[in-house]
N, C-alpha and C. Protein backbone atom coordinates (compact mmCIF):
# COMPACT_ATOMS: atom_id res chain seq x y z
N MET A 1 41.82 55.92 -75.56
CA MET A 1 40.88 54.82 -75.71
C MET A 1 40.74 54.51 -77.18
N THR A 2 40.67 53.24 -77.49
CA THR A 2 40.63 52.82 -78.88
C THR A 2 39.26 52.97 -79.50
N GLY A 3 38.19 53.11 -78.68
CA GLY A 3 36.86 53.26 -79.23
C GLY A 3 36.15 51.93 -79.42
N LYS A 4 36.87 50.82 -79.24
CA LYS A 4 36.25 49.52 -79.39
C LYS A 4 36.24 48.82 -78.05
N LEU A 5 35.06 48.37 -77.63
CA LEU A 5 34.94 47.65 -76.37
C LEU A 5 35.13 46.16 -76.60
N VAL A 6 35.87 45.54 -75.69
CA VAL A 6 36.15 44.12 -75.81
C VAL A 6 35.45 43.39 -74.67
N VAL A 7 34.63 42.40 -75.00
CA VAL A 7 33.95 41.59 -74.00
C VAL A 7 34.92 40.52 -73.52
N GLN A 8 35.06 40.40 -72.18
CA GLN A 8 36.00 39.44 -71.62
C GLN A 8 35.30 38.56 -70.59
N THR A 9 35.85 37.41 -70.34
CA THR A 9 35.33 36.46 -69.36
C THR A 9 36.41 36.19 -68.32
N GLY A 10 35.97 35.98 -67.07
CA GLY A 10 36.91 35.57 -66.03
C GLY A 10 37.64 36.71 -65.33
N VAL A 11 37.22 37.94 -65.54
CA VAL A 11 37.86 39.08 -64.86
C VAL A 11 37.14 39.28 -63.53
N PRO A 12 37.84 39.15 -62.39
CA PRO A 12 37.18 39.26 -61.09
C PRO A 12 36.70 40.70 -60.83
N MET A 13 35.51 40.81 -60.22
CA MET A 13 34.95 42.11 -59.90
C MET A 13 35.46 42.55 -58.54
N PRO A 14 35.91 43.81 -58.41
CA PRO A 14 36.36 44.29 -57.10
C PRO A 14 35.18 44.41 -56.13
N LYS A 15 35.49 44.35 -54.83
CA LYS A 15 34.45 44.47 -53.82
C LYS A 15 33.83 45.87 -53.89
N ALA A 16 32.55 45.96 -53.46
CA ALA A 16 31.86 47.24 -53.43
C ALA A 16 32.55 48.16 -52.43
N ASN A 17 32.58 49.42 -52.73
CA ASN A 17 33.26 50.40 -51.90
C ASN A 17 32.27 51.02 -50.91
N ARG A 18 31.71 50.21 -50.00
CA ARG A 18 30.75 50.68 -49.01
C ARG A 18 31.43 50.79 -47.65
N ALA A 19 30.81 51.55 -46.77
CA ALA A 19 31.37 51.73 -45.42
C ALA A 19 31.40 50.40 -44.68
N ARG A 20 32.50 50.16 -43.99
CA ARG A 20 32.65 48.94 -43.20
C ARG A 20 31.83 49.04 -41.92
N PRO A 21 31.47 47.91 -41.32
CA PRO A 21 30.78 47.96 -40.03
C PRO A 21 31.60 48.73 -39.01
N GLY A 22 30.95 49.55 -38.22
CA GLY A 22 31.65 50.35 -37.23
C GLY A 22 32.09 51.71 -37.73
N VAL A 23 32.05 51.93 -39.04
CA VAL A 23 32.42 53.22 -39.60
C VAL A 23 31.24 54.17 -39.40
N ARG A 24 31.52 55.40 -39.00
CA ARG A 24 30.45 56.37 -38.74
C ARG A 24 29.68 56.66 -40.02
N ARG A 25 28.37 56.55 -39.92
CA ARG A 25 27.49 56.85 -41.03
C ARG A 25 26.65 58.07 -40.69
N LYS A 26 25.91 58.54 -41.66
CA LYS A 26 25.05 59.71 -41.47
C LYS A 26 23.98 59.44 -40.41
N TYR A 27 23.45 58.23 -40.38
CA TYR A 27 22.42 57.83 -39.42
C TYR A 27 22.96 56.64 -38.63
N PRO A 28 22.57 56.48 -37.35
CA PRO A 28 23.13 55.41 -36.50
C PRO A 28 22.47 54.05 -36.75
N LEU A 29 22.39 53.63 -37.97
CA LEU A 29 21.67 52.40 -38.34
C LEU A 29 22.29 51.15 -37.74
N ASP A 30 23.61 51.10 -37.67
CA ASP A 30 24.28 49.88 -37.22
C ASP A 30 24.13 49.64 -35.72
N VAL A 31 23.63 50.62 -34.96
CA VAL A 31 23.45 50.42 -33.52
C VAL A 31 21.98 50.37 -33.11
N MET A 32 21.09 50.51 -34.07
CA MET A 32 19.65 50.50 -33.76
C MET A 32 19.14 49.08 -33.58
N ALA A 33 18.29 48.90 -32.56
CA ALA A 33 17.64 47.62 -32.31
C ALA A 33 16.25 47.66 -32.95
N VAL A 34 15.64 46.50 -33.10
CA VAL A 34 14.30 46.41 -33.66
C VAL A 34 13.36 47.28 -32.83
N ASP A 35 12.48 48.00 -33.49
CA ASP A 35 11.51 48.93 -32.91
C ASP A 35 12.11 50.26 -32.44
N GLN A 36 13.38 50.50 -32.69
CA GLN A 36 13.95 51.80 -32.35
C GLN A 36 13.73 52.76 -33.51
N PHE A 37 13.78 54.06 -33.19
CA PHE A 37 13.41 55.11 -34.11
C PHE A 37 14.40 56.26 -34.01
N VAL A 38 14.66 56.91 -35.13
CA VAL A 38 15.44 58.14 -35.15
C VAL A 38 14.71 59.13 -36.05
N PHE A 39 14.67 60.40 -35.62
CA PHE A 39 13.99 61.45 -36.39
C PHE A 39 15.03 62.33 -37.04
N SER A 40 14.85 62.60 -38.33
CA SER A 40 15.74 63.48 -39.07
C SER A 40 14.99 64.77 -39.41
N PRO A 41 15.20 65.84 -38.60
CA PRO A 41 14.49 67.08 -38.86
C PRO A 41 14.85 67.65 -40.22
N GLY A 42 13.84 68.01 -40.98
CA GLY A 42 14.07 68.58 -42.31
C GLY A 42 14.41 67.56 -43.37
N GLY A 43 14.51 66.31 -42.98
CA GLY A 43 14.85 65.26 -43.94
C GLY A 43 13.74 65.03 -44.94
N VAL A 44 14.11 64.83 -46.19
CA VAL A 44 13.14 64.53 -47.24
C VAL A 44 13.06 63.01 -47.35
N SER A 45 11.88 62.46 -47.08
CA SER A 45 11.74 61.02 -46.95
C SER A 45 12.21 60.24 -48.17
N LYS A 46 11.98 60.74 -49.37
CA LYS A 46 12.44 60.01 -50.57
C LYS A 46 13.96 59.94 -50.63
N LEU A 47 14.62 61.04 -50.29
CA LEU A 47 16.09 61.06 -50.31
C LEU A 47 16.67 60.20 -49.19
N VAL A 48 16.09 60.31 -48.01
CA VAL A 48 16.56 59.51 -46.87
C VAL A 48 16.34 58.03 -47.15
N SER A 49 15.17 57.69 -47.70
CA SER A 49 14.86 56.30 -48.02
C SER A 49 15.85 55.73 -49.03
N ALA A 50 16.20 56.52 -50.03
CA ALA A 50 17.19 56.07 -51.03
C ALA A 50 18.55 55.85 -50.37
N TYR A 51 18.94 56.77 -49.49
CA TYR A 51 20.22 56.64 -48.77
C TYR A 51 20.23 55.38 -47.92
N ILE A 52 19.14 55.16 -47.17
CA ILE A 52 19.04 53.98 -46.30
C ILE A 52 19.12 52.71 -47.14
N SER A 53 18.40 52.67 -48.24
CA SER A 53 18.41 51.50 -49.11
C SER A 53 19.81 51.21 -49.63
N ARG A 54 20.51 52.26 -50.03
CA ARG A 54 21.86 52.10 -50.59
C ARG A 54 22.85 51.64 -49.52
N THR A 55 22.81 52.25 -48.35
CA THR A 55 23.82 51.95 -47.33
C THR A 55 23.55 50.66 -46.56
N THR A 56 22.32 50.16 -46.60
CA THR A 56 22.02 48.92 -45.86
C THR A 56 21.88 47.72 -46.78
N LYS A 57 22.30 47.86 -48.00
CA LYS A 57 22.18 46.79 -48.99
C LYS A 57 22.79 45.47 -48.52
N ASP A 58 23.91 45.55 -47.83
CA ASP A 58 24.61 44.34 -47.37
C ASP A 58 24.35 44.04 -45.89
N MET A 59 23.42 44.76 -45.28
CA MET A 59 23.11 44.54 -43.86
C MET A 59 21.87 43.66 -43.75
N PRO A 60 21.80 42.79 -42.74
CA PRO A 60 20.61 41.96 -42.57
C PRO A 60 19.41 42.73 -41.99
N GLN A 61 19.67 43.89 -41.38
CA GLN A 61 18.60 44.67 -40.77
C GLN A 61 17.71 45.31 -41.84
N LYS A 62 16.45 45.55 -41.48
CA LYS A 62 15.49 46.20 -42.38
C LYS A 62 15.00 47.48 -41.71
N PHE A 63 14.82 48.53 -42.52
CA PHE A 63 14.40 49.83 -42.02
C PHE A 63 13.23 50.34 -42.84
N SER A 64 12.46 51.23 -42.23
CA SER A 64 11.34 51.87 -42.90
C SER A 64 11.42 53.37 -42.64
N VAL A 65 11.14 54.17 -43.66
CA VAL A 65 11.22 55.63 -43.56
C VAL A 65 9.85 56.23 -43.83
N ARG A 66 9.43 57.18 -43.01
CA ARG A 66 8.13 57.84 -43.18
C ARG A 66 8.26 59.35 -42.97
N HIS A 67 7.54 60.10 -43.77
CA HIS A 67 7.44 61.55 -43.61
C HIS A 67 6.58 61.81 -42.38
N CYS A 68 7.02 62.69 -41.47
CA CYS A 68 6.27 62.93 -40.24
C CYS A 68 6.64 64.26 -39.63
N TRP A 69 5.95 64.61 -38.54
CA TRP A 69 6.19 65.83 -37.78
C TRP A 69 6.47 65.42 -36.34
N ALA A 70 7.34 66.19 -35.68
CA ALA A 70 7.71 65.85 -34.31
C ALA A 70 8.05 67.12 -33.52
N ILE A 71 7.96 66.99 -32.21
CA ILE A 71 8.36 68.04 -31.29
C ILE A 71 9.45 67.46 -30.39
N GLN A 72 10.48 68.25 -30.14
CA GLN A 72 11.56 67.79 -29.27
C GLN A 72 11.26 68.19 -27.83
N ASN A 73 11.38 67.21 -26.93
CA ASN A 73 11.12 67.43 -25.52
C ASN A 73 12.15 66.65 -24.71
N ASP A 74 12.92 67.34 -23.91
CA ASP A 74 13.98 66.71 -23.09
C ASP A 74 14.95 65.90 -23.94
N GLY A 75 15.28 66.40 -25.12
CA GLY A 75 16.25 65.74 -25.99
C GLY A 75 15.70 64.59 -26.80
N LYS A 76 14.41 64.27 -26.66
CA LYS A 76 13.80 63.18 -27.42
C LYS A 76 12.71 63.75 -28.32
N TRP A 77 12.49 63.09 -29.43
CA TRP A 77 11.47 63.51 -30.38
C TRP A 77 10.17 62.75 -30.12
N LYS A 78 9.06 63.49 -30.15
CA LYS A 78 7.73 62.90 -29.99
C LYS A 78 6.95 63.21 -31.26
N LEU A 79 6.40 62.18 -31.90
CA LEU A 79 5.62 62.39 -33.12
C LEU A 79 4.31 63.08 -32.79
N VAL A 80 3.94 64.03 -33.64
CA VAL A 80 2.69 64.78 -33.47
C VAL A 80 2.01 64.91 -34.82
N ASP A 81 0.77 65.41 -34.81
CA ASP A 81 0.04 65.63 -36.04
C ASP A 81 0.57 66.87 -36.76
N GLN A 82 0.42 66.86 -38.07
CA GLN A 82 0.77 68.02 -38.87
C GLN A 82 -0.05 69.22 -38.40
N GLY A 83 0.56 70.37 -38.30
CA GLY A 83 -0.15 71.56 -37.86
C GLY A 83 -0.06 71.83 -36.37
N THR A 84 0.48 70.88 -35.61
CA THR A 84 0.67 71.08 -34.18
C THR A 84 1.67 72.22 -33.97
N GLU A 85 1.35 73.12 -33.05
CA GLU A 85 2.24 74.25 -32.79
C GLU A 85 3.63 73.79 -32.37
N GLY A 86 4.64 74.33 -33.03
CA GLY A 86 6.03 73.99 -32.71
C GLY A 86 6.54 72.72 -33.36
N ALA A 87 5.71 72.07 -34.17
CA ALA A 87 6.11 70.81 -34.81
C ALA A 87 7.15 71.07 -35.90
N VAL A 88 8.08 70.14 -36.00
CA VAL A 88 9.14 70.20 -37.01
C VAL A 88 8.87 69.11 -38.03
N GLU A 89 8.93 69.49 -39.30
CA GLU A 89 8.71 68.51 -40.38
C GLU A 89 10.02 67.78 -40.67
N GLY A 90 9.92 66.51 -40.96
CA GLY A 90 11.11 65.73 -41.28
C GLY A 90 10.72 64.32 -41.64
N CYS A 91 11.59 63.38 -41.34
CA CYS A 91 11.25 61.98 -41.59
C CYS A 91 11.79 61.11 -40.46
N GLY A 92 11.03 60.07 -40.20
CA GLY A 92 11.40 59.12 -39.17
C GLY A 92 11.96 57.86 -39.81
N ILE A 93 12.93 57.27 -39.14
CA ILE A 93 13.54 56.02 -39.60
C ILE A 93 13.33 55.00 -38.49
N TRP A 94 12.68 53.90 -38.84
CA TRP A 94 12.41 52.83 -37.87
C TRP A 94 13.15 51.57 -38.31
N ARG A 95 13.74 50.87 -37.35
CA ARG A 95 14.28 49.54 -37.66
C ARG A 95 13.15 48.56 -37.44
N ILE A 96 12.80 47.80 -38.49
CA ILE A 96 11.64 46.91 -38.41
C ILE A 96 12.04 45.44 -38.31
N GLU A 97 13.24 45.09 -38.67
CA GLU A 97 13.72 43.70 -38.54
C GLU A 97 15.18 43.72 -38.16
């Protein structure tokens, strides 16, 4: 490298290197309908929220992430209050739009 940066005009920017629609992601965001929810046991809401924001940047859908507690029953998660016996801490992801 020469150590000197040159400012140029008219150089096309390459496309962002994000996952294409239909590509498996960490969370099933591309198949969620409005008002659907997924619980991530042990998930840290700030980290999950940052991931969701980054991966859905080019998607029209909107999501919301909240820190919560849940109990699994028959394969489904039910939200409960903190301190409930058997509750698992994590974060919930809701599709809001």
